[in-house]
């Protein structure tokens, strides 16, 4: 029986076409046969340099037969074996979309163990310039920095798992230059816009209750769509948030746990909101608090809720906001009305109050106007109504 050749072992020869060929052992198949990494050059000196680079690259590496698969094949396996049953369905769909639309078309046919840092950087640069599948009104076909950053996180994770599985010698995404995340500014409805929106939903017989509850609880879209009557205590006016509705596939609803452990929570509802649910419960014919208008045996689809919100906004002449901005609106107005951050974080399902303040509260024009009145008031108390603090000559302007 032939002796097993150790990793790093190699050979050099001159080919019949005049080129030099070298190879080193970088791993072994299940039957013990060596897996080689080849290098080619026009001169022996050039080949020696390449071999030294490979020896350094594959030092202490023991690759398996799977190192011969393509990047596309590895990413398919990674999604199925590593992610499908470990992340939320929406997250998994995002992973698959990024891989199918951006990575596989460019690098999917390349051997996974041969993908280099240069390949990764070239991919990001190309996507930044012309990577969007559908043309964007403002960006054209350029991919946003946020999307590239998210893509990098997915690609890095997949290649890190390949490294631990002895499929690659080095993670080629490490050290890649990635654009900084640039989040779009969050949009919060002002007091006037909020009144307009509430007036519009009150006139909607089918959707009025749904959006009123949303604006008085700040629930995530999947959470409010997944509410059941067993979650509502009509006597005490308390609502339990226990699940979220992820998506609907082939008519089957995908119910799952809330986004975080803190997401499972108890909310004491405002009296007006509790009264709406009590009246709604008396007429209910289904287990769902907000059932599908056409098929009440099913819960309301999150996508349907999003679409109808857009219709209401358009008819009312309001800004084109996202559904999640209703949650931002609730949180910001709650803080402005005096709700303390700790209590609000519990209502929203956050683990700490600092995250609530940093993420879900924003300074609206109404808040700025109120603040200016407060500042003006105490400055007048300190300096007197006749003297304004921005006067440098010490003379008071005459009263208007």
Protein backbone atom coordinates (compact mmCIF):
# COMPACT_ATOMS: atom_id res chain seq x y z
CA UNK A 1 0.00 0.00 0.00
CA UNK A 2 1.34 3.37 -1.03
CA UNK A 3 2.34 5.72 1.76
CA UNK A 4 -0.11 8.60 2.37
CA UNK A 5 1.45 11.79 1.04
CA UNK A 6 1.37 14.57 3.65
CA UNK A 7 -0.15 17.98 2.98
CA UNK A 8 2.47 20.34 1.56
CA UNK A 9 4.25 17.59 -0.35
CA UNK A 10 4.67 18.40 -4.05
CA UNK A 11 6.47 17.99 -7.35
CA UNK A 12 7.74 20.09 -10.25
CA UNK A 13 8.05 19.16 -13.94
CA UNK A 14 8.50 20.73 -17.34
CA UNK A 15 5.61 20.04 -19.70
CA UNK A 16 5.86 19.14 -23.36
CA UNK A 17 4.44 22.56 -24.32
CA UNK A 18 7.41 24.24 -22.63
CA UNK A 19 5.58 25.47 -19.56
CA UNK A 20 6.48 24.51 -16.00
CA UNK A 21 3.95 22.75 -13.79
CA UNK A 22 3.99 22.32 -10.06
CA UNK A 23 1.60 20.85 -7.56
CA UNK A 24 1.34 20.45 -3.81
CA UNK A 25 -0.86 18.26 -1.63
CA UNK A 26 -3.57 20.34 0.07
CA UNK A 27 -5.81 17.58 1.40
CA UNK A 28 -7.07 14.04 0.94
CA UNK A 29 -10.13 12.25 -0.39
CA UNK A 30 -12.10 9.79 1.71
CA UNK A 31 -10.06 6.90 0.26
CA UNK A 32 -6.81 8.60 1.21
CA UNK A 33 -5.87 9.77 -2.29
CA UNK A 34 -4.20 13.19 -2.29
CA UNK A 35 -5.89 16.38 -3.45
CA UNK A 36 -3.50 18.57 -5.41
CA UNK A 37 -3.32 22.30 -5.97
CA UNK A 38 -1.68 23.00 -9.36
CA UNK A 39 0.36 25.99 -10.53
CA UNK A 40 1.71 26.83 -13.97
CA UNK A 41 4.38 29.25 -15.25
CA UNK A 42 6.56 29.94 -18.28
CA UNK A 43 9.80 29.73 -16.27
CA UNK A 44 11.01 27.61 -13.39
CA UNK A 45 11.76 30.72 -11.34
CA UNK A 46 8.23 32.05 -11.81
CA UNK A 47 6.78 28.64 -10.90
CA UNK A 48 8.90 28.45 -7.74
CA UNK A 49 7.48 31.79 -6.61
CA UNK A 50 3.92 30.59 -7.18
CA UNK A 51 4.56 27.33 -5.35
CA UNK A 52 5.98 29.18 -2.35
CA UNK A 53 2.83 31.32 -2.28
CA UNK A 54 0.64 28.21 -2.40
CA UNK A 55 2.65 26.45 0.30
CA UNK A 56 2.17 29.48 2.55
CA UNK A 57 -1.54 29.70 1.65
CA UNK A 58 -2.22 26.02 2.34
CA UNK A 59 0.05 25.63 5.36
CA UNK A 60 -1.62 23.49 8.06
CA UNK A 61 -4.64 23.03 5.77
CA UNK A 62 -6.33 19.70 5.16
CA UNK A 63 -9.00 20.15 2.51
CA UNK A 64 -11.65 17.56 1.69
CA UNK A 65 -13.09 16.40 -1.63
CA UNK A 66 -15.76 19.05 -1.28
CA UNK A 67 -13.13 21.68 -2.03
CA UNK A 68 -13.62 20.74 -5.71
CA UNK A 69 -17.26 21.85 -5.78
CA UNK A 70 -18.23 25.19 -7.28
CA UNK A 71 -19.05 28.21 -5.17
CA UNK A 72 -22.67 27.96 -6.34
CA UNK A 73 -22.89 24.34 -5.18
CA UNK A 74 -21.44 25.25 -1.78
CA UNK A 75 -23.82 28.18 -1.32
CA UNK A 76 -26.80 25.92 -2.12
CA UNK A 77 -25.60 23.40 0.47
CA UNK A 78 -24.91 26.16 2.97
CA UNK A 79 -28.46 27.47 2.68
CA UNK A 80 -29.97 24.01 3.07
CA UNK A 81 -27.70 22.49 5.73
CA UNK A 82 -26.65 25.54 7.73
CA UNK A 83 -29.47 28.10 7.52
CA UNK A 84 -32.86 26.76 6.46
CA UNK A 85 -33.95 25.58 9.91
CA UNK A 86 -31.89 27.98 12.01
CA UNK A 87 -33.12 31.43 10.94
CA UNK A 88 -36.53 33.04 10.45
CA UNK A 89 -38.20 32.40 7.08
CA UNK A 90 -37.92 36.06 6.12
CA UNK A 91 -34.21 36.08 6.94
CA UNK A 92 -33.69 32.87 4.97
CA UNK A 93 -35.49 34.37 1.98
CA UNK A 94 -33.19 37.39 2.16
CA UNK A 95 -30.12 35.12 2.18
CA UNK A 96 -31.34 33.19 -0.84
CA UNK A 97 -32.23 36.35 -2.74
CA UNK A 98 -28.76 37.88 -2.22
CA UNK A 99 -27.02 34.67 -3.26
CA UNK A 100 -29.17 34.01 -6.35
CA UNK A 101 -29.24 37.61 -7.60
CA UNK A 102 -25.75 38.85 -6.80
CA UNK A 103 -23.16 36.18 -5.96
CA UNK A 104 -23.98 33.17 -8.15
CA UNK A 105 -24.33 35.06 -11.45
CA UNK A 106 -20.79 36.44 -11.03
CA UNK A 107 -18.82 33.74 -9.17
CA UNK A 108 -21.13 30.72 -8.90
CA UNK A 109 -19.30 28.62 -11.51
CA UNK A 110 -15.84 29.09 -9.97
CA UNK A 111 -14.33 26.37 -7.77
CA UNK A 112 -15.03 27.38 -4.19
CA UNK A 113 -11.47 26.78 -2.98
CA UNK A 114 -10.10 29.02 -5.74
CA UNK A 115 -12.18 32.12 -4.99
CA UNK A 116 -9.74 34.90 -4.06
CA UNK A 117 -9.91 38.19 -2.21
CA UNK A 118 -9.50 39.91 -5.58
CA UNK A 119 -12.59 38.08 -6.86
CA UNK A 120 -14.61 39.29 -3.88
CA UNK A 121 -13.45 42.90 -4.20
CA UNK A 122 -14.14 42.89 -7.94
CA UNK A 123 -17.64 41.51 -7.24
CA UNK A 124 -18.45 44.31 -4.80
CA UNK A 125 -17.13 46.97 -7.15
CA UNK A 126 -19.16 45.62 -10.07
CA UNK A 127 -22.34 45.37 -8.00
CA UNK A 128 -21.84 48.91 -6.70
CA UNK A 129 -21.69 50.21 -10.27
CA UNK A 130 -24.27 48.05 -12.03
CA UNK A 131 -25.64 45.30 -9.79
CA UNK A 132 -29.31 46.11 -9.35
CA UNK A 133 -31.73 43.62 -10.94
CA UNK A 134 -34.42 46.24 -11.60
CA UNK A 135 -33.75 49.90 -12.33
CA UNK A 136 -34.24 52.26 -9.37
CA UNK A 137 -35.76 55.74 -9.94
CA UNK A 138 -32.85 57.47 -8.16
CA UNK A 139 -29.98 54.94 -8.19
CA UNK A 140 -30.51 53.46 -11.64
CA UNK A 141 -28.84 50.04 -11.72
CA UNK A 142 -26.31 50.85 -8.99
CA UNK A 143 -26.65 48.76 -5.84
CA UNK A 144 -26.96 50.64 -2.55
CA UNK A 145 -24.20 50.61 0.06
CA UNK A 146 -26.60 49.02 2.56
CA UNK A 147 -27.36 46.10 0.24
CA UNK A 148 -23.66 45.49 -0.49
CA UNK A 149 -22.92 45.58 3.23
CA UNK A 150 -25.67 43.03 3.91
CA UNK A 151 -24.44 40.88 1.00
CA UNK A 152 -20.92 40.94 2.43
CA UNK A 153 -22.17 39.75 5.82
CA UNK A 154 -23.95 36.78 4.17
CA UNK A 155 -20.99 35.92 1.92
CA UNK A 156 -18.54 36.16 4.81
CA UNK A 157 -20.64 33.84 6.97
CA UNK A 158 -20.98 31.26 4.18
CA UNK A 159 -17.23 31.24 3.49
CA UNK A 160 -16.39 31.11 7.20
CA UNK A 161 -18.46 27.94 7.47
CA UNK A 162 -16.66 26.58 4.39
CA UNK A 163 -13.36 27.25 6.14
CA UNK A 164 -14.43 25.33 9.25
CA UNK A 165 -15.63 22.46 7.02
CA UNK A 166 -12.15 22.21 5.40
CA UNK A 167 -13.53 23.22 2.01
CA UNK A 168 -11.37 26.34 1.62
CA UNK A 169 -7.97 27.28 3.01
CA UNK A 170 -8.76 30.92 3.70
CA UNK A 171 -11.87 33.06 3.85
CA UNK A 172 -11.53 35.38 0.82
CA UNK A 173 -14.04 37.89 2.19
CA UNK A 174 -11.79 38.79 5.14
CA UNK A 175 -10.25 42.22 4.64
CA UNK A 176 -12.56 43.20 1.78
CA UNK A 177 -13.36 46.90 1.53
CA UNK A 178 -17.09 47.33 2.03
CA UNK A 179 -19.13 50.57 1.85
CA UNK A 180 -20.35 51.94 5.14
CA UNK A 181 -24.00 51.33 5.92
CA UNK A 182 -26.10 54.39 5.13
CA UNK A 183 -29.57 53.95 6.61
CA UNK A 184 -32.40 55.93 5.05
CA UNK A 185 -33.83 58.48 7.48
CA UNK A 186 -36.81 57.17 9.41
CA UNK A 187 -40.07 58.97 8.65
CA UNK A 188 -42.44 59.78 11.49
CA UNK A 189 -45.92 61.21 10.98
CA UNK A 190 -46.34 64.66 12.51
CA UNK A 191 -49.30 65.50 14.74
CA UNK A 192 -51.25 66.88 11.79
CA UNK A 193 -50.37 63.93 9.53
CA UNK A 194 -51.29 61.49 12.29
CA UNK A 195 -54.71 63.13 12.69
CA UNK A 196 -55.23 62.92 8.94
CA UNK A 197 -54.28 59.24 8.88
CA UNK A 198 -56.54 58.39 11.83
CA UNK A 199 -59.48 60.20 10.20
CA UNK A 200 -58.87 58.20 7.03
CA UNK A 201 -58.76 54.80 8.78
CA UNK A 202 -61.88 55.55 10.84
CA UNK A 203 -63.80 55.77 7.58
CA UNK A 204 -62.50 52.36 6.46
CA UNK A 205 -64.93 49.70 7.73
CA UNK A 206 -62.61 46.77 6.99
CA UNK A 207 -59.25 48.22 8.00
CA UNK A 208 -60.09 50.90 10.55
CA UNK A 209 -59.66 48.73 13.67
CA UNK A 210 -56.44 47.19 12.37
CA UNK A 211 -54.61 50.48 11.87
CA UNK A 212 -55.97 52.04 15.06
CA UNK A 213 -54.61 49.11 17.08
CA UNK A 214 -51.29 49.38 15.24
CA UNK A 215 -50.92 53.10 15.98
CA UNK A 216 -51.73 52.60 19.68
CA UNK A 217 -49.46 49.58 20.28
CA UNK A 218 -46.55 49.88 17.82
CA UNK A 219 -46.65 46.16 17.01
CA UNK A 220 -44.47 44.77 14.24
CA UNK A 221 -46.39 43.90 11.07
CA UNK A 222 -46.05 40.15 11.56
CA UNK A 223 -47.01 40.43 15.23
CA UNK A 224 -50.30 42.24 14.67
CA UNK A 225 -51.24 39.92 11.80
CA UNK A 226 -50.56 36.89 13.98
CA UNK A 227 -52.77 37.94 16.92
CA UNK A 228 -55.40 35.43 18.11
CA UNK A 229 -58.34 35.96 20.43
CA UNK A 230 -56.64 33.74 23.02
CA UNK A 231 -54.05 36.54 23.31
CA UNK A 232 -56.61 39.14 24.43
CA UNK A 233 -58.04 39.35 27.95
CA UNK A 234 -61.23 41.35 27.44
CA UNK A 235 -61.84 41.78 31.18
CA UNK A 236 -58.47 43.37 32.00
CA UNK A 237 -57.77 44.91 28.58
CA UNK A 238 -54.42 43.13 28.31
CA UNK A 239 -52.85 41.78 25.12
CA UNK A 240 -50.24 39.00 24.95
CA UNK A 241 -47.78 39.09 22.03
CA UNK A 242 -46.70 35.47 21.53
CA UNK A 243 -45.98 34.88 17.83
CA UNK A 244 -45.39 36.47 14.45
CA UNK A 245 -46.74 35.72 11.00
CA UNK A 246 -43.77 35.42 8.63
CA UNK A 247 -45.23 34.79 5.21
CA UNK A 248 -47.79 32.82 3.27
CA UNK A 249 -46.65 30.05 0.91
CA UNK A 250 -49.08 27.99 -1.15
CA UNK A 251 -51.91 29.02 1.15
CA UNK A 252 -50.10 27.88 4.32
CA UNK A 253 -49.40 30.48 6.99
CA UNK A 254 -45.90 30.47 8.47
CA UNK A 255 -46.28 31.20 12.18
CA UNK A 256 -43.19 31.49 14.32
CA UNK A 257 -41.74 33.01 17.44
CA UNK A 258 -41.36 36.74 17.89
CA UNK A 259 -38.26 38.47 16.57
CA UNK A 260 -36.43 38.31 19.92
CA UNK A 261 -36.95 36.71 23.32
CA UNK A 262 -38.06 40.11 24.62
CA UNK A 263 -40.62 40.17 21.81
CA UNK A 264 -42.91 37.90 23.81
CA UNK A 265 -44.58 40.45 26.02
CA UNK A 266 -47.70 41.70 27.76
CA UNK A 267 -49.24 45.03 26.77
CA UNK A 268 -51.82 46.89 28.84
CA UNK A 269 -53.95 48.46 26.13
CA UNK A 270 -55.33 52.00 26.12
CA UNK A 271 -59.05 52.01 27.02
CA UNK A 272 -60.07 53.02 23.48
CA UNK A 273 -58.05 50.17 21.95
CA UNK A 274 -59.39 47.59 24.42
CA UNK A 275 -62.96 48.73 23.71
CA UNK A 276 -62.42 48.30 19.97
CA UNK A 277 -61.21 44.73 20.49
CA UNK A 278 -64.09 43.91 22.87
CA UNK A 279 -66.65 45.03 20.28
CA UNK A 280 -64.76 43.18 17.56
CA UNK A 281 -64.65 39.98 19.60
CA UNK A 282 -68.44 39.92 20.00
CA UNK A 283 -68.86 39.68 16.22
CA UNK A 284 -65.88 37.42 15.52
CA UNK A 285 -66.31 34.11 13.67
CA UNK A 286 -62.64 33.10 13.63
CA UNK A 287 -59.71 32.56 15.98
CA UNK A 288 -57.81 35.48 14.43
CA UNK A 289 -58.24 39.02 15.76
CA UNK A 290 -57.57 40.35 12.27
CA UNK A 291 -58.56 37.65 9.76
CA UNK A 292 -58.23 37.70 6.00
CA UNK A 293 -61.22 39.75 4.69
CA UNK A 294 -61.98 37.10 2.05
CA UNK A 295 -60.96 33.92 3.88
CA UNK A 296 -61.58 34.54 7.60
CA UNK A 297 -60.22 31.12 8.56
CA UNK A 298 -56.78 32.54 7.70
CA UNK A 299 -54.93 35.42 9.35
CA UNK A 300 -54.44 38.71 7.57
CA UNK A 301 -51.42 38.62 5.26
CA UNK A 302 -48.62 41.08 6.23
CA UNK A 303 -48.18 41.90 2.55
CA UNK A 304 -51.88 42.72 2.24
CA UNK A 305 -51.65 45.04 5.25
CA UNK A 306 -48.70 46.83 3.69
CA UNK A 307 -50.47 47.27 0.35
CA UNK A 308 -53.64 48.67 1.92
CA UNK A 309 -51.65 51.10 4.07
CA UNK A 310 -50.17 52.51 0.86
CA UNK A 311 -53.68 52.94 -0.56
CA UNK A 312 -54.83 54.86 2.55
CA UNK A 313 -51.73 57.10 2.49
CA UNK A 314 -52.22 57.92 -1.18
CA UNK A 315 -55.93 58.76 -0.81
CA UNK A 316 -55.22 60.95 2.23
CA UNK A 317 -52.39 62.79 0.47
CA UNK A 318 -49.83 61.67 3.09
CA UNK A 319 -46.12 60.87 2.63
CA UNK A 320 -45.24 57.43 1.23
CA UNK A 321 -43.95 55.81 4.44
CA UNK A 322 -43.17 52.18 5.27
CA UNK A 323 -45.36 50.06 7.55
CA UNK A 324 -42.56 49.98 10.13
CA UNK A 325 -42.70 53.79 10.24
CA UNK A 326 -46.07 53.45 11.98
CA UNK A 327 -44.12 51.74 14.76
CA UNK A 328 -41.62 54.62 14.75
CA UNK A 329 -44.51 57.08 14.88
CA UNK A 330 -46.04 55.33 17.90
CA UNK A 331 -42.74 55.24 19.78
CA UNK A 332 -41.79 58.84 19.06
CA UNK A 333 -45.18 60.27 20.03
CA UNK A 334 -45.25 58.09 23.16
CA UNK A 335 -41.93 59.58 24.32
CA UNK A 336 -43.12 63.09 23.45
CA UNK A 337 -46.28 62.47 25.53
CA UNK A 338 -44.25 61.55 28.61
CA UNK A 339 -44.01 57.74 28.47
CA UNK A 340 -40.69 56.77 30.05
CA UNK A 341 -38.17 54.85 27.95
CA UNK A 342 -38.17 51.75 30.17
CA UNK A 343 -41.93 51.31 29.90
CA UNK A 344 -41.88 51.97 26.16
CA UNK A 345 -39.12 49.42 25.58
CA UNK A 346 -41.32 46.81 27.25
CA UNK A 347 -44.29 47.70 25.05
CA UNK A 348 -42.15 47.51 21.89
CA UNK A 349 -40.45 44.27 22.93
CA UNK A 350 -36.89 45.59 23.30
CA UNK A 351 -34.34 44.20 25.73
CA UNK A 352 -33.18 47.62 26.96
CA UNK A 353 -34.35 51.22 27.00
CA UNK A 354 -31.24 52.67 25.36
CA UNK A 355 -31.95 50.76 22.14
CA UNK A 356 -35.48 52.16 22.15
CA UNK A 357 -34.24 55.73 22.50
CA UNK A 358 -31.54 55.34 19.85
CA UNK A 359 -33.62 53.53 17.26
CA UNK A 360 -37.28 54.36 17.54
CA UNK A 361 -37.53 57.95 18.69
CA UNK A 362 -36.96 60.92 16.40
CA UNK A 363 -37.22 64.68 16.66
CA UNK A 364 -40.25 65.83 14.67
CA UNK A 365 -40.98 69.44 13.64
CA UNK A 366 -43.73 69.51 16.27
CA UNK A 367 -41.23 68.51 18.96
CA UNK A 368 -38.74 71.15 17.77
CA UNK A 369 -41.44 73.82 17.91
CA UNK A 370 -42.46 72.76 21.42
CA UNK A 371 -38.80 72.76 22.54
CA UNK A 372 -38.24 76.27 21.20
CA UNK A 373 -41.24 77.48 23.20
CA UNK A 374 -39.89 75.89 26.38
CA UNK A 375 -36.41 77.37 25.84
CA UNK A 376 -37.86 80.77 25.05
CA UNK A 377 -40.00 80.62 28.16
CA UNK A 378 -37.26 79.91 30.67
CA UNK A 379 -34.87 82.39 29.00
CA UNK A 380 -37.49 85.10 29.37
CA UNK A 381 -37.88 84.13 33.03
CA UNK A 382 -34.13 84.51 33.52
CA UNK A 383 -33.50 87.64 31.45
CA UNK A 384 -36.82 89.38 31.28
CA UNK A 385 -39.18 89.75 28.35
CA UNK A 386 -37.58 92.98 27.16
CA UNK A 387 -34.08 91.50 26.69
CA UNK A 388 -33.36 88.78 24.14
CA UNK A 389 -30.24 86.64 24.67
CA UNK A 390 -28.94 87.10 21.10
CA UNK A 391 -28.58 90.87 21.49
CA UNK A 392 -24.89 91.78 21.85
CA UNK A 393 -25.21 95.48 22.68
CA UNK A 394 -27.01 94.88 25.93
CA UNK A 395 -29.96 96.94 24.74
CA UNK A 396 -33.38 95.46 24.75
CA UNK A 397 -35.41 95.58 21.59
CA UNK A 398 -38.64 97.47 22.03
CA UNK A 399 -41.63 95.31 22.65
CA UNK A 400 -43.64 94.57 19.49
